[in-house]
Protein backbone atom coordinates (compact mmCIF):
# COMPACT_ATOMS: atom_id res chain seq x y z
CA UNK A 1 -71.75 114.46 47.86
CA UNK A 2 -72.75 110.80 47.61
CA UNK A 3 -71.71 108.32 50.28
CA UNK A 4 -69.58 106.51 47.70
CA UNK A 5 -67.67 109.68 46.76
CA UNK A 6 -67.24 110.58 50.41
CA UNK A 7 -65.58 107.26 51.28
CA UNK A 8 -63.47 107.49 48.12
CA UNK A 9 -62.17 110.89 49.21
CA UNK A 10 -61.37 109.56 52.68
CA UNK A 11 -59.45 106.65 51.15
CA UNK A 12 -57.47 109.02 48.93
CA UNK A 13 -56.54 111.21 51.91
CA UNK A 14 -55.40 108.18 53.89
CA UNK A 15 -53.21 106.97 51.02
CA UNK A 16 -51.74 110.45 50.46
CA UNK A 17 -50.99 110.91 54.16
CA UNK A 18 -49.46 107.43 54.34
CA UNK A 19 -47.07 108.14 51.47
CA UNK A 20 -46.11 111.49 53.02
CA UNK A 21 -45.51 109.97 56.45
CA UNK A 22 -43.47 107.09 55.05
CA UNK A 23 -41.26 109.55 53.20
CA UNK A 24 -41.04 111.76 56.27
CA UNK A 25 -40.13 108.86 58.51
CA UNK A 26 -37.37 107.67 56.20
CA UNK A 27 -35.62 111.05 56.15
CA UNK A 28 -36.91 113.98 58.21
CA UNK A 29 -37.80 112.07 61.36
CA UNK A 30 -35.26 110.31 63.52
CA UNK A 31 -35.63 106.58 63.99
CA UNK A 32 -35.29 106.14 67.73
CA UNK A 33 -33.18 103.18 68.75
CA UNK A 34 -30.75 102.20 71.50
CA UNK A 35 -27.96 104.76 71.84
CA UNK A 36 -25.08 104.22 69.40
CA UNK A 37 -21.58 105.22 70.50
CA UNK A 38 -19.31 106.09 67.61
CA UNK A 39 -15.68 104.89 67.43
CA UNK A 40 -16.56 102.30 70.08
CA UNK A 41 -14.29 99.71 68.47
CA UNK A 42 -11.32 102.10 68.07
CA UNK A 43 -8.46 102.16 70.58
CA UNK A 44 -7.82 105.84 71.26
CA UNK A 45 -4.21 105.04 72.22
CA UNK A 46 -3.52 103.99 68.64
CA UNK A 47 -4.52 107.37 67.17
CA UNK A 48 -1.32 108.99 65.87
CA UNK A 49 -2.77 111.52 63.44
CA UNK A 50 -5.92 113.62 63.20
CA UNK A 51 -6.77 114.98 59.75
CA UNK A 52 -9.32 117.79 59.60
CA UNK A 53 -10.77 118.83 56.23
CA UNK A 54 -13.17 121.61 55.34
CA UNK A 55 -13.60 122.89 51.79
CA UNK A 56 -10.22 123.01 50.09
CA UNK A 57 -8.36 123.33 53.40
CA UNK A 58 -7.03 120.48 55.50
CA UNK A 59 -4.93 120.31 58.65
CA UNK A 60 -2.89 117.46 60.09
CA UNK A 61 -2.20 117.10 63.81
CA UNK A 62 0.34 114.33 64.27
CA UNK A 63 2.10 112.69 67.20
CA UNK A 64 5.88 112.82 67.34
CA UNK A 65 7.73 111.26 70.27
CA UNK A 66 4.46 111.22 72.19
CA UNK A 67 3.72 114.93 71.61
CA UNK A 68 0.97 116.29 69.37
CA UNK A 69 2.56 118.51 66.72
CA UNK A 70 1.61 120.56 63.66
CA UNK A 71 3.42 119.44 60.46
CA UNK A 72 2.23 122.68 58.80
CA UNK A 73 4.38 124.53 61.36
CA UNK A 74 7.47 122.34 60.96
CA UNK A 75 6.43 120.13 63.85
CA UNK A 76 5.80 122.85 66.44
CA UNK A 77 3.69 121.50 69.36
CA UNK A 78 -0.08 121.68 69.14
CA UNK A 79 -2.08 122.79 72.14
CA UNK A 80 -2.46 119.49 74.04
CA UNK A 81 -5.59 120.70 75.83
CA UNK A 82 -7.40 121.43 72.58
CA UNK A 83 -6.34 118.12 71.02
CA UNK A 84 -7.42 116.21 74.11
CA UNK A 85 -10.77 118.02 74.11
CA UNK A 86 -11.37 117.12 70.45
CA UNK A 87 -10.55 113.45 70.97
CA UNK A 88 -12.69 113.23 74.10
CA UNK A 89 -15.66 114.77 72.30
CA UNK A 90 -15.25 112.30 69.41
CA UNK A 91 -14.92 109.20 71.57
CA UNK A 92 -17.87 110.27 73.73
CA UNK A 93 -20.04 111.01 70.69
CA UNK A 94 -23.30 109.06 70.65
CA UNK A 95 -26.80 109.22 69.21
CA UNK A 96 -30.08 107.37 69.37
CA UNK A 97 -31.54 109.18 66.36
CA UNK A 98 -30.88 107.38 63.11
CA UNK A 99 -32.05 109.50 60.18
CA UNK A 100 -31.48 107.47 57.03
CA UNK A 101 -29.26 104.92 55.31
CA UNK A 102 -30.26 106.00 51.82
CA UNK A 103 -27.43 107.56 49.73
CA UNK A 104 -29.93 109.70 47.85
CA UNK A 105 -30.26 111.86 50.99
CA UNK A 106 -26.51 112.18 51.77
CA UNK A 107 -25.91 115.31 49.67
CA UNK A 108 -28.88 117.11 51.18
CA UNK A 109 -27.59 116.34 54.67
CA UNK A 110 -24.01 117.38 53.84
CA UNK A 111 -22.34 114.02 54.52
CA UNK A 112 -20.46 113.37 51.26
CA UNK A 113 -17.02 114.21 49.90
CA UNK A 114 -18.64 116.70 47.53
CA UNK A 115 -20.31 118.40 50.47
CA UNK A 116 -16.92 118.61 52.19
CA UNK A 117 -15.48 120.37 49.13
CA UNK A 118 -18.34 122.86 49.36
CA UNK A 119 -17.65 123.73 52.99
CA UNK A 120 -18.83 120.86 55.17
CA UNK A 121 -16.25 118.94 57.18
CA UNK A 122 -14.56 115.58 57.60
CA UNK A 123 -12.51 114.17 60.47
CA UNK A 124 -10.13 111.24 59.97
CA UNK A 125 -8.23 109.35 62.66
CA UNK A 126 -5.13 107.47 61.51
CA UNK A 127 -2.67 104.98 62.97
CA UNK A 128 1.12 105.27 63.03
CA UNK A 129 1.41 103.56 59.63
CA UNK A 130 -1.04 106.01 58.05
CA UNK A 131 -3.93 103.56 57.90
CA UNK A 132 -7.44 104.79 58.67
CA UNK A 133 -8.83 103.93 62.08
CA UNK A 134 -12.10 105.85 61.90
CA UNK A 135 -13.65 109.00 60.53
CA UNK A 136 -16.75 111.16 60.30
CA UNK A 137 -18.54 113.34 57.82
CA UNK A 138 -19.75 116.38 59.76
CA UNK A 139 -22.74 117.67 57.85
CA UNK A 140 -25.48 120.27 58.02
CA UNK A 141 -27.16 121.57 61.11
CA UNK A 142 -30.73 120.35 61.38
CA UNK A 143 -33.14 123.10 60.47
CA UNK A 144 -36.11 123.81 62.69
CA UNK A 145 -39.43 122.78 61.15
CA UNK A 146 -41.35 125.60 62.80
CA UNK A 147 -40.71 128.84 64.64
CA UNK A 148 -42.14 127.39 67.82
CA UNK A 149 -39.98 124.28 67.91
CA UNK A 150 -37.97 123.79 71.08
CA UNK A 151 -34.22 124.64 70.88
CA UNK A 152 -33.35 121.14 72.02
CA UNK A 153 -34.73 119.76 68.77
CA UNK A 154 -31.78 121.16 66.77
CA UNK A 155 -28.66 119.14 66.05
CA UNK A 156 -26.13 118.15 63.41
CA UNK A 157 -26.04 115.32 60.88
CA UNK A 158 -23.03 113.02 60.90
CA UNK A 159 -22.05 109.81 59.12
CA UNK A 160 -19.11 107.53 59.81
CA UNK A 161 -16.88 107.13 56.74
CA UNK A 162 -17.40 103.38 56.60
CA UNK A 163 -21.13 103.42 57.40
CA UNK A 164 -24.33 104.01 55.43
CA UNK A 165 -26.23 105.34 58.43
CA UNK A 166 -26.74 109.05 59.03
CA UNK A 167 -27.38 110.11 62.61
CA UNK A 168 -28.53 113.30 64.27
CA UNK A 169 -26.47 114.40 67.27
CA UNK A 170 -27.43 117.08 69.76
CA UNK A 171 -24.07 118.87 70.02
CA UNK A 172 -22.23 120.54 67.19
CA UNK A 173 -18.84 119.08 66.26
CA UNK A 174 -16.41 121.99 65.74
CA UNK A 175 -13.94 121.37 62.90
CA UNK A 176 -11.41 124.22 62.73
CA UNK A 177 -8.74 123.89 60.04
CA UNK A 178 -6.87 127.12 60.87
CA UNK A 179 -3.42 126.16 62.10
CA UNK A 180 -3.34 129.23 64.34
CA UNK A 181 -6.21 127.76 66.38
CA UNK A 182 -4.10 124.73 67.34
CA UNK A 183 -0.79 126.39 68.21
CA UNK A 184 0.61 125.89 71.69
CA UNK A 185 0.52 129.60 72.54
CA UNK A 186 1.53 129.63 76.20
CA UNK A 187 5.28 130.09 76.66
CA UNK A 188 5.42 131.06 80.33
CA UNK A 189 3.38 132.52 83.17
CA UNK A 190 5.65 133.84 85.91
CA UNK A 191 4.50 136.64 88.19
CA UNK A 192 6.90 139.43 89.23
CA UNK A 193 6.87 138.14 92.83
CA UNK A 194 8.75 135.07 91.58
CA UNK A 195 11.55 137.15 90.02
CA UNK A 196 14.72 138.26 91.80
CA UNK A 197 16.41 140.30 89.08
CA UNK A 198 15.80 141.60 85.57
CA UNK A 199 18.67 142.77 83.35
CA UNK A 200 18.23 144.43 79.99
CA UNK A 201 21.03 144.13 77.42
CA UNK A 202 21.54 146.02 74.16
CA UNK A 203 23.59 144.89 71.19
CA UNK A 204 26.66 147.12 70.85
CA UNK A 205 29.32 146.26 68.26
CA UNK A 206 27.75 142.78 67.92
CA UNK A 207 28.06 142.17 71.65
CA UNK A 208 25.32 142.30 74.28
CA UNK A 209 26.08 144.85 76.99
CA UNK A 210 23.91 145.60 80.04
CA UNK A 211 21.70 148.70 79.86
CA UNK A 212 20.07 148.49 83.29
CA UNK A 213 19.19 146.06 86.06
CA UNK A 214 16.10 145.88 88.24
CA UNK A 215 16.59 144.17 91.60
CA UNK A 216 13.80 142.93 93.84
CA UNK A 217 13.72 144.63 97.22
CA UNK A 218 12.69 142.97 100.46
CA UNK A 219 10.02 145.31 101.82
CA UNK A 220 6.71 145.07 103.60
CA UNK A 221 4.98 145.89 100.33
CA UNK A 222 6.38 142.71 98.84
CA UNK A 223 3.56 140.81 100.55
CA UNK A 224 1.21 142.19 97.91
CA UNK A 225 3.66 142.03 95.04
CA UNK A 226 7.31 142.37 94.17
CA UNK A 227 8.94 145.76 94.66
CA UNK A 228 11.91 146.46 92.38
CA UNK A 229 14.70 149.00 92.56
CA UNK A 230 17.32 149.91 90.03
CA UNK A 231 20.66 148.33 90.82
CA UNK A 232 22.58 149.83 93.71
CA UNK A 233 24.77 151.97 91.49
CA UNK A 234 21.71 153.88 90.27
CA UNK A 235 20.48 154.62 93.78
CA UNK A 236 16.86 155.17 92.76
CA UNK A 237 13.56 153.34 92.62
CA UNK A 238 11.96 153.12 89.18
CA UNK A 239 8.33 154.07 89.58
CA UNK A 240 7.42 154.25 85.93
CA UNK A 241 5.08 152.27 83.72
CA UNK A 242 8.09 151.16 81.67
CA UNK A 243 9.80 149.50 84.63
CA UNK A 244 6.62 147.71 85.68
CA UNK A 245 6.16 146.47 82.13
CA UNK A 246 9.66 144.96 82.09
CA UNK A 247 9.01 143.18 85.39
CA UNK A 248 5.84 141.55 84.05
CA UNK A 249 7.33 140.30 80.77
CA UNK A 250 6.96 136.61 81.66
CA UNK A 251 3.43 136.93 83.01
CA UNK A 252 0.88 135.26 80.72
CA UNK A 253 3.44 135.16 77.90
CA UNK A 254 1.56 134.05 74.77
CA UNK A 255 2.46 134.03 71.10
CA UNK A 256 0.76 135.16 67.90
CA UNK A 257 2.68 132.83 65.59
CA UNK A 258 5.85 130.77 65.38
CA UNK A 259 8.52 130.09 62.76
CA UNK A 260 11.38 127.64 62.54
CA UNK A 261 14.66 129.49 62.96
CA UNK A 262 16.33 129.66 59.55
CA UNK A 263 16.17 131.54 56.27
CA UNK A 264 12.77 133.07 57.03
CA UNK A 265 14.10 134.68 60.21
CA UNK A 266 17.64 135.49 59.07
CA UNK A 267 16.83 139.13 58.26
CA UNK A 268 15.51 139.86 61.74
CA UNK A 269 17.94 141.80 63.94
CA UNK A 270 17.85 140.47 67.49
CA UNK A 271 19.41 143.43 69.23
CA UNK A 272 17.88 143.30 72.73
CA UNK A 273 18.12 140.65 75.43
CA UNK A 274 16.12 140.59 78.66
CA UNK A 275 17.33 138.22 81.37
CA UNK A 276 15.08 137.16 84.24
CA UNK A 277 16.58 135.47 87.31
CA UNK A 278 13.83 133.59 89.15
CA UNK A 279 13.63 132.78 92.85
CA UNK A 280 13.77 129.06 92.01
CA UNK A 281 17.11 129.38 90.20
CA UNK A 282 15.89 129.35 86.59
CA UNK A 283 17.21 132.08 84.31
CA UNK A 284 15.05 133.03 81.31
CA UNK A 285 16.71 134.85 78.42
CA UNK A 286 14.45 136.55 75.87
CA UNK A 287 16.31 137.86 72.83
CA UNK A 288 14.02 140.14 70.83
CA UNK A 289 13.72 141.81 67.44
CA UNK A 290 11.40 144.45 66.04
CA UNK A 291 10.27 144.71 62.41
CA UNK A 292 7.72 147.42 61.69
CA UNK A 293 4.72 146.66 63.89
CA UNK A 294 5.81 143.07 64.54
CA UNK A 295 7.84 141.78 67.48
CA UNK A 296 9.79 138.53 67.62
CA UNK A 297 11.62 136.62 70.34
CA UNK A 298 13.88 133.65 70.96
CA UNK A 299 13.87 131.98 74.37
CA UNK A 300 16.46 130.03 76.33
CA UNK A 301 16.54 128.82 79.95
CA UNK A 302 19.43 127.96 82.27
CA UNK A 303 19.62 126.87 85.89
CA UNK A 304 21.74 128.79 88.39
CA UNK A 305 22.53 126.43 91.27
CA UNK A 306 24.00 129.27 93.35
CA UNK A 307 20.55 130.74 94.01
CA UNK A 308 19.11 130.12 97.47
CA UNK A 309 15.48 130.85 98.44
CA UNK A 310 14.95 133.91 100.61
CA UNK A 311 14.41 133.23 104.28
CA UNK A 312 10.78 132.72 105.09
CA UNK A 313 9.72 132.17 101.47
CA UNK A 314 8.18 128.89 100.40
CA UNK A 315 10.09 128.42 97.15
CA UNK A 316 11.06 125.07 95.66
CA UNK A 317 14.31 125.20 93.74
CA UNK A 318 14.15 124.07 90.14
CA UNK A 319 16.80 122.01 88.37
CA UNK A 320 18.96 121.73 85.29
CA UNK A 321 16.60 119.00 84.06
CA UNK A 322 13.67 121.42 84.19
CA UNK A 323 15.68 123.99 82.23
CA UNK A 324 16.49 121.36 79.61
CA UNK A 325 12.83 120.38 79.35
CA UNK A 326 11.82 123.99 78.73
CA UNK A 327 14.53 124.40 76.11
CA UNK A 328 13.08 121.46 74.21
CA UNK A 329 9.99 123.60 73.68
CA UNK A 330 11.85 126.85 72.97
CA UNK A 331 15.03 125.87 71.13
CA UNK A 332 15.14 126.44 67.36
CA UNK A 333 11.98 128.57 67.23
CA UNK A 334 11.31 132.24 66.63
CA UNK A 335 8.08 133.41 68.24
CA UNK A 336 5.97 136.30 67.06
CA UNK A 337 4.63 138.20 70.06
CA UNK A 338 1.66 140.52 70.37
CA UNK A 339 2.75 144.14 70.24
CA UNK A 340 1.95 144.93 73.88
CA UNK A 341 4.14 142.03 74.99
CA UNK A 342 6.99 142.56 72.53
CA UNK A 343 7.40 146.15 73.70
CA UNK A 344 8.12 144.95 77.24
CA UNK A 345 11.39 143.42 76.04
CA UNK A 346 12.41 146.54 74.07
CA UNK A 347 12.42 149.01 76.97
CA UNK A 348 15.25 151.56 76.94
CA UNK A 349 17.32 152.72 79.90
CA UNK A 350 15.98 156.25 79.42
CA UNK A 351 12.34 155.21 79.76
CA UNK A 352 13.05 153.29 82.97
CA UNK A 353 14.96 156.20 84.52
CA UNK A 354 12.40 158.83 83.52
CA UNK A 355 10.46 160.17 86.54
CA UNK A 356 12.08 157.62 88.85
CA UNK A 357 11.55 158.32 92.53
CA UNK A 358 14.71 158.83 94.63
CA UNK A 359 15.30 156.26 97.36
CA UNK A 360 14.26 157.55 100.77
């Protein structure tokens, strides 16, 4: 090879590499710059609606009277912890890796409306009047360039709705449009040791009549947990799984789904009622229905001001105001319960009495 041809080949390689690197730098490689914080000019207190979109599905989470609610569920409360977590992650989102500002690369990175229709995601934050405050396209995950690349080099492409710049962020932004994910599922969490009495009622001739009552006993064993006996007229201690299940009905009480009370729930027959008298004076009433393999419940709370804490117990009495606050969450709703929980409120007198141990 002549010296002239050799230098010509070197020049060609330099030009080819330069074109490749310029293209690579404008798209594949991140342009390092000072850290950019997204939504920095948005007042989080003005956010009144969050709209999540993925594919053909979208979900609105909207504030009503200061409470995050789900319009798709007739305004039932959303889980405030999950909403708070989403907003915190958005307002703390930042990146120092700018990828491109060229629209020709948007589709490939998944940060367009068409990409959203095909399964990518979009988050929109709106004010009380419905105007847009901010938003993001949540695009593709960055693919590793080689098998040996460090895990920390992965990330996700995002673009603000009103910006041309695409950034790479280190953490994935979860966008879940299933309404079930956002339901406020926790109804109550009251341990048996906080309960004084449980009464089960059955519907007879359209009137609720008591089937049995479990009364908390003051015994040495109560230090480790509540000990219940059947009411004094029965004269026996229920030592069955059924009785223990009834006692724990309010412990970690979570729902599967929720419906507004109305036409959709009119065919359900609410023929059992379980009443829990708490040590703090609150009285929980769970009226339940069973339909095939599904279990449903309505809740109501009252305050009994005649209740006094047991001597030696550190119990703070509740109030009528607290009962009213709880009823704001429960009133007008029919809750679908998981089967294991729904069965606790459907216990029969016979199952509680079966194999009961006589009082010594």
